[in-house]
């Protein structure tokens, strides 16, 4: 398997980093070499491609359009971007991607984002408001997210943390995390284990092994527990000892920035 071109990351590195960059780097770090990852466009795609270029050259990227083993040289603009097909090991139908690869349990990690998330990791990407038929905001919808949430062996959620996004109860459950908590996910018969971590611009949350409620386990540099709680729409539980996320290295930061520049300037 060929590696992507070497990045001139040192040319883009700087001491200061943004919360968005910290979130992307933290998401990239959780991806192990050799894992099979179902990737979405946006922050998940950036994080996965950073991992491929730095510590996980054997990471297998699968995009919803049916590109297996894609190695994009620039960040794709959509799941239908030609760079994915051009660099993939093979291209299969969307039906095969979901039926054979995803729903049969062949995907190790699924990356998801959302407009809303609740304390049990349930995600809303459908509507904001009390009425599905007449919502305040109609969102892009489900796409393949419900199947990813149900069937990937593990799920990583990447999204900004605020009172608008981290809510007591999502307005619509598009993708099930742990349902109402406890063993609810198992009662629904989902084959995947559910969210392993929720990575935000403030820190990292992980599910309690019994209640499955999300617990704050890591804080990014410069972020306090009070700030994380103030950006959460429920009473946020914290681990007995909260770890500090390591700051982005110059290489990590430079890689993120160069990838973002290729997306902005190559089309």
Protein backbone atom coordinates (compact mmCIF):
# COMPACT_ATOMS: atom_id res chain seq x y z
CA UNK A 1 0.00 0.00 0.00
CA UNK A 2 1.57 3.29 -1.05
CA UNK A 3 1.86 6.18 1.38
CA UNK A 4 0.61 9.69 0.63
CA UNK A 5 3.17 12.27 -0.42
CA UNK A 6 5.38 13.61 2.35
CA UNK A 7 3.97 16.77 3.88
CA UNK A 8 6.01 19.89 4.50
CA UNK A 9 4.38 20.17 7.90
CA UNK A 10 7.14 22.21 9.52
CA UNK A 11 6.38 25.03 7.10
CA UNK A 12 2.88 25.37 8.56
CA UNK A 13 3.58 24.78 12.24
CA UNK A 14 3.14 27.52 14.82
CA UNK A 15 3.08 27.77 18.59
CA UNK A 16 -0.58 28.83 18.79
CA UNK A 17 -3.33 26.37 17.98
CA UNK A 18 -7.10 26.70 17.88
CA UNK A 19 -9.66 24.59 19.79
CA UNK A 20 -10.77 23.18 16.42
CA UNK A 21 -7.22 22.05 15.67
CA UNK A 22 -6.87 20.53 19.14
CA UNK A 23 -10.09 18.59 18.57
CA UNK A 24 -8.89 17.29 15.20
CA UNK A 25 -5.53 16.21 16.59
CA UNK A 26 -7.15 14.47 19.57
CA UNK A 27 -9.46 12.59 17.20
CA UNK A 28 -6.53 11.54 15.00
CA UNK A 29 -4.65 10.13 17.99
CA UNK A 30 -7.34 7.58 18.86
CA UNK A 31 -7.02 5.85 15.46
CA UNK A 32 -4.75 2.81 15.55
CA UNK A 33 -2.55 1.60 12.72
CA UNK A 34 -4.24 -1.19 10.78
CA UNK A 35 -7.77 -0.35 11.90
CA UNK A 36 -10.63 -0.16 9.39
CA UNK A 37 -12.35 3.20 9.69
CA UNK A 38 -15.66 4.38 8.19
CA UNK A 39 -14.99 8.05 7.53
CA UNK A 40 -17.35 10.98 7.14
CA UNK A 41 -16.62 14.28 5.43
CA UNK A 42 -15.51 17.20 7.59
CA UNK A 43 -13.58 16.86 10.85
CA UNK A 44 -13.64 13.02 10.79
CA UNK A 45 -12.02 12.99 7.35
CA UNK A 46 -9.36 15.49 8.41
CA UNK A 47 -8.56 13.52 11.57
CA UNK A 48 -8.38 10.20 9.72
CA UNK A 49 -6.05 11.61 7.08
CA UNK A 50 -3.82 13.16 9.74
CA UNK A 51 -3.55 9.74 11.40
CA UNK A 52 -2.66 8.10 8.08
CA UNK A 53 0.17 10.55 7.51
CA UNK A 54 1.65 10.43 11.00
CA UNK A 55 1.24 7.33 13.16
CA UNK A 56 -1.18 5.01 11.35
CA UNK A 57 0.01 4.47 7.75
CA UNK A 58 -1.90 1.18 7.61
CA UNK A 59 -5.24 2.73 8.58
CA UNK A 60 -7.88 1.62 6.06
CA UNK A 61 -10.28 4.42 5.12
CA UNK A 62 -13.74 3.56 3.84
CA UNK A 63 -16.05 6.30 2.61
CA UNK A 64 -19.82 5.93 2.23
CA UNK A 65 -19.69 6.18 -1.55
CA UNK A 66 -18.00 2.77 -1.73
CA UNK A 67 -14.32 3.67 -1.87
CA UNK A 68 -12.35 1.09 0.10
CA UNK A 69 -8.80 1.86 1.15
CA UNK A 70 -8.88 5.43 -0.14
CA UNK A 71 -5.62 7.41 0.23
CA UNK A 72 -6.59 10.95 -0.81
CA UNK A 73 -3.71 13.32 -1.44
CA UNK A 74 -6.00 16.26 -0.60
CA UNK A 75 -9.04 16.44 1.64
CA UNK A 76 -12.16 15.32 -0.23
CA UNK A 77 -14.95 17.85 -0.54
CA UNK A 78 -17.68 15.19 -0.43
CA UNK A 79 -18.08 11.43 -0.35
CA UNK A 80 -18.41 11.61 -4.16
CA UNK A 81 -15.11 13.44 -4.65
CA UNK A 82 -13.14 11.83 -7.46
CA UNK A 83 -9.92 11.83 -5.42
CA UNK A 84 -11.39 9.03 -3.32
CA UNK A 85 -12.04 6.71 -6.25
CA UNK A 86 -8.71 7.58 -7.86
CA UNK A 87 -6.74 6.58 -4.77
CA UNK A 88 -8.85 3.68 -3.44
CA UNK A 89 -7.83 0.04 -3.49
CA UNK A 90 -11.22 -0.68 -5.01
CA UNK A 91 -14.64 0.89 -5.47
CA UNK A 92 -17.81 -1.06 -4.70
CA UNK A 93 -21.49 -0.20 -4.68
CA UNK A 94 -23.07 1.63 -1.76
CA UNK A 95 -25.21 -1.46 -1.14
CA UNK A 96 -22.10 -3.63 -0.78
CA UNK A 97 -20.45 -1.04 1.45
CA UNK A 98 -23.30 -1.20 3.91
CA UNK A 99 -24.50 -4.79 3.61
CA UNK A 100 -21.17 -6.60 3.34
CA UNK A 101 -18.70 -4.31 5.08
CA UNK A 102 -20.62 -2.29 7.65
CA UNK A 103 -23.62 -4.30 8.78
CA UNK A 104 -21.64 -7.54 8.96
CA UNK A 105 -19.25 -6.06 11.53
CA UNK A 106 -16.15 -5.62 9.36
CA UNK A 107 -15.61 -1.96 10.33
CA UNK A 108 -13.58 -1.27 13.48
CA UNK A 109 -14.31 2.43 13.97
CA UNK A 110 -17.02 4.75 12.74
CA UNK A 111 -16.65 8.53 12.91
CA UNK A 112 -19.77 10.63 13.49
CA UNK A 113 -20.70 14.29 13.98
CA UNK A 114 -24.04 15.81 14.90
CA UNK A 115 -26.09 18.90 15.56
CA UNK A 116 -27.17 17.66 19.00
CA UNK A 117 -25.90 15.02 21.40
CA UNK A 118 -27.27 13.94 24.79
CA UNK A 119 -25.80 12.38 27.92
CA UNK A 120 -26.10 8.86 26.49
CA UNK A 121 -24.41 9.65 23.19
CA UNK A 122 -27.56 9.74 21.06
CA UNK A 123 -27.14 12.02 18.04
CA UNK A 124 -29.56 14.25 16.15
CA UNK A 125 -28.90 15.28 12.54
CA UNK A 126 -32.55 15.42 11.47
CA UNK A 127 -34.57 18.33 12.93
CA UNK A 128 -34.38 20.99 15.62
CA UNK A 129 -37.71 21.63 17.32
CA UNK A 130 -40.63 19.72 18.79
CA UNK A 131 -42.28 18.87 15.47
CA UNK A 132 -40.76 16.70 12.76
CA UNK A 133 -43.21 18.05 10.19
CA UNK A 134 -42.76 21.72 11.15
CA UNK A 135 -39.34 22.03 12.81
CA UNK A 136 -37.49 25.24 13.62
CA UNK A 137 -34.56 23.90 11.59
CA UNK A 138 -34.47 20.97 9.19
CA UNK A 139 -31.01 19.41 9.19
CA UNK A 140 -29.29 17.39 6.43
CA UNK A 141 -30.70 14.11 7.73
CA UNK A 142 -29.40 10.67 8.56
CA UNK A 143 -27.41 9.48 5.57
CA UNK A 144 -25.55 6.37 6.68
CA UNK A 145 -25.10 7.55 10.27
CA UNK A 146 -27.73 5.28 11.91
CA UNK A 147 -26.13 2.18 10.39
CA UNK A 148 -22.65 3.37 11.38
CA UNK A 149 -23.83 3.95 14.95
CA UNK A 150 -25.50 0.55 15.07
CA UNK A 151 -22.93 -1.67 13.42
CA UNK A 152 -19.36 -0.36 13.74
CA UNK A 153 -17.45 -2.12 16.48
CA UNK A 154 -16.74 1.26 18.05
CA UNK A 155 -17.91 4.81 17.35
CA UNK A 156 -16.00 8.06 17.82
CA UNK A 157 -18.05 11.27 17.90
CA UNK A 158 -16.34 14.56 17.06
CA UNK A 159 -18.25 17.81 17.63
CA UNK A 160 -18.10 21.21 19.29
CA UNK A 161 -19.32 21.38 22.87
CA UNK A 162 -21.89 24.03 23.76
CA UNK A 163 -25.32 24.39 25.35
CA UNK A 164 -26.79 24.34 21.86
CA UNK A 165 -25.15 21.04 20.88
CA UNK A 166 -24.84 19.14 24.19
CA UNK A 167 -28.47 18.94 25.28
CA UNK A 168 -30.40 17.15 28.01
CA UNK A 169 -32.51 15.35 25.39
CA UNK A 170 -32.02 15.44 21.64
CA UNK A 171 -35.00 16.71 19.65
CA UNK A 172 -34.81 13.66 17.37
CA UNK A 173 -32.79 10.46 17.73
CA UNK A 174 -31.14 10.01 14.35
CA UNK A 175 -28.33 7.73 15.50
CA UNK A 176 -28.56 5.72 18.72
CA UNK A 177 -25.69 5.91 21.16
CA UNK A 178 -26.77 4.13 24.33
CA UNK A 179 -30.48 4.91 24.11
CA UNK A 180 -31.75 5.55 27.63
CA UNK A 181 -28.60 4.12 29.18
CA UNK A 182 -27.62 0.90 30.88
CA UNK A 183 -28.23 -2.15 28.69
CA UNK A 184 -30.69 -0.37 26.41
CA UNK A 185 -28.41 -0.66 23.39
CA UNK A 186 -28.16 -4.41 23.78
CA UNK A 187 -31.94 -4.67 24.10
CA UNK A 188 -32.23 -3.01 20.70
CA UNK A 189 -29.99 -5.72 19.24
CA UNK A 190 -27.26 -3.47 17.85
CA UNK A 191 -24.12 -5.40 17.01
CA UNK A 192 -21.61 -2.57 17.64
CA UNK A 193 -20.52 -1.51 21.11
CA UNK A 194 -21.54 2.14 20.68
CA UNK A 195 -19.64 5.37 21.34
CA UNK A 196 -16.14 4.80 22.68
CA UNK A 197 -15.41 8.50 23.05
CA UNK A 198 -16.86 11.92 22.32
CA UNK A 199 -14.05 14.31 21.38
CA UNK A 200 -14.85 18.01 21.60
CA UNK A 201 -13.06 21.34 21.44
CA UNK A 202 -12.92 21.28 25.26
CA UNK A 203 -12.03 17.70 26.13
CA UNK A 204 -12.95 14.04 25.84
CA UNK A 205 -15.99 12.24 27.27
CA UNK A 206 -16.25 8.47 27.67
CA UNK A 207 -19.20 6.30 28.69
CA UNK A 208 -19.50 4.97 32.22
CA UNK A 209 -19.27 1.16 31.93
CA UNK A 210 -22.50 0.60 33.86
CA UNK A 211 -24.83 3.56 33.33
CA UNK A 212 -23.35 4.40 29.87
CA UNK A 213 -23.69 8.09 30.71
CA UNK A 214 -20.94 10.21 29.20
CA UNK A 215 -18.26 11.18 31.72
CA UNK A 216 -15.61 13.88 31.28
CA UNK A 217 -12.24 12.08 31.38
CA UNK A 218 -9.85 14.51 29.63
CA UNK A 219 -9.56 18.27 29.38
CA UNK A 220 -7.65 20.00 26.63
CA UNK A 221 -4.91 22.43 27.66
CA UNK A 222 -6.24 25.64 29.21
CA UNK A 223 -9.80 24.32 29.70
CA UNK A 224 -11.34 24.02 33.17
CA UNK A 225 -13.97 21.63 34.50
CA UNK A 226 -16.24 24.63 35.10
CA UNK A 227 -15.93 25.65 31.44
CA UNK A 228 -16.82 22.13 30.28
CA UNK A 229 -19.82 22.01 32.60
CA UNK A 230 -20.97 25.46 31.47
CA UNK A 231 -21.00 24.20 27.88
CA UNK A 232 -23.10 21.10 28.70
CA UNK A 233 -26.89 20.96 28.87
CA UNK A 234 -26.96 18.33 31.60
CA UNK A 235 -25.15 17.87 34.92
CA UNK A 236 -21.85 16.66 33.54
CA UNK A 237 -20.23 13.85 35.50
CA UNK A 238 -16.45 13.86 35.81
CA UNK A 239 -13.88 11.11 36.29
CA UNK A 240 -12.18 10.93 39.72
CA UNK A 241 -8.96 12.00 38.02
CA UNK A 242 -9.22 14.03 34.83
CA UNK A 243 -6.28 13.72 32.46
CA UNK A 244 -4.85 16.57 30.42
CA UNK A 245 -4.70 16.16 26.66
CA UNK A 246 -1.19 16.72 25.35
CA UNK A 247 -0.83 19.82 23.21
CA UNK A 248 -0.51 19.32 19.46
CA UNK A 249 3.06 18.78 18.34
CA UNK A 250 4.51 20.94 15.60
CA UNK A 251 4.20 18.00 13.20
CA UNK A 252 0.56 17.31 14.11
CA UNK A 253 -0.41 20.95 13.85
CA UNK A 254 1.45 21.43 10.59
CA UNK A 255 -0.19 18.35 9.09
CA UNK A 256 -3.67 19.55 10.00
CA UNK A 257 -2.99 22.98 8.52
CA UNK A 258 -1.51 21.70 5.29
CA UNK A 259 -4.45 19.36 4.76
CA UNK A 260 -6.88 22.21 5.36
CA UNK A 261 -4.99 24.33 2.85
CA UNK A 262 -5.21 21.61 0.20
CA UNK A 263 -8.98 21.49 0.69
CA UNK A 264 -9.31 25.24 0.39
CA UNK A 265 -6.89 25.82 -2.46
CA UNK A 266 -6.87 22.78 -4.71
CA UNK A 267 -10.29 23.02 -6.37
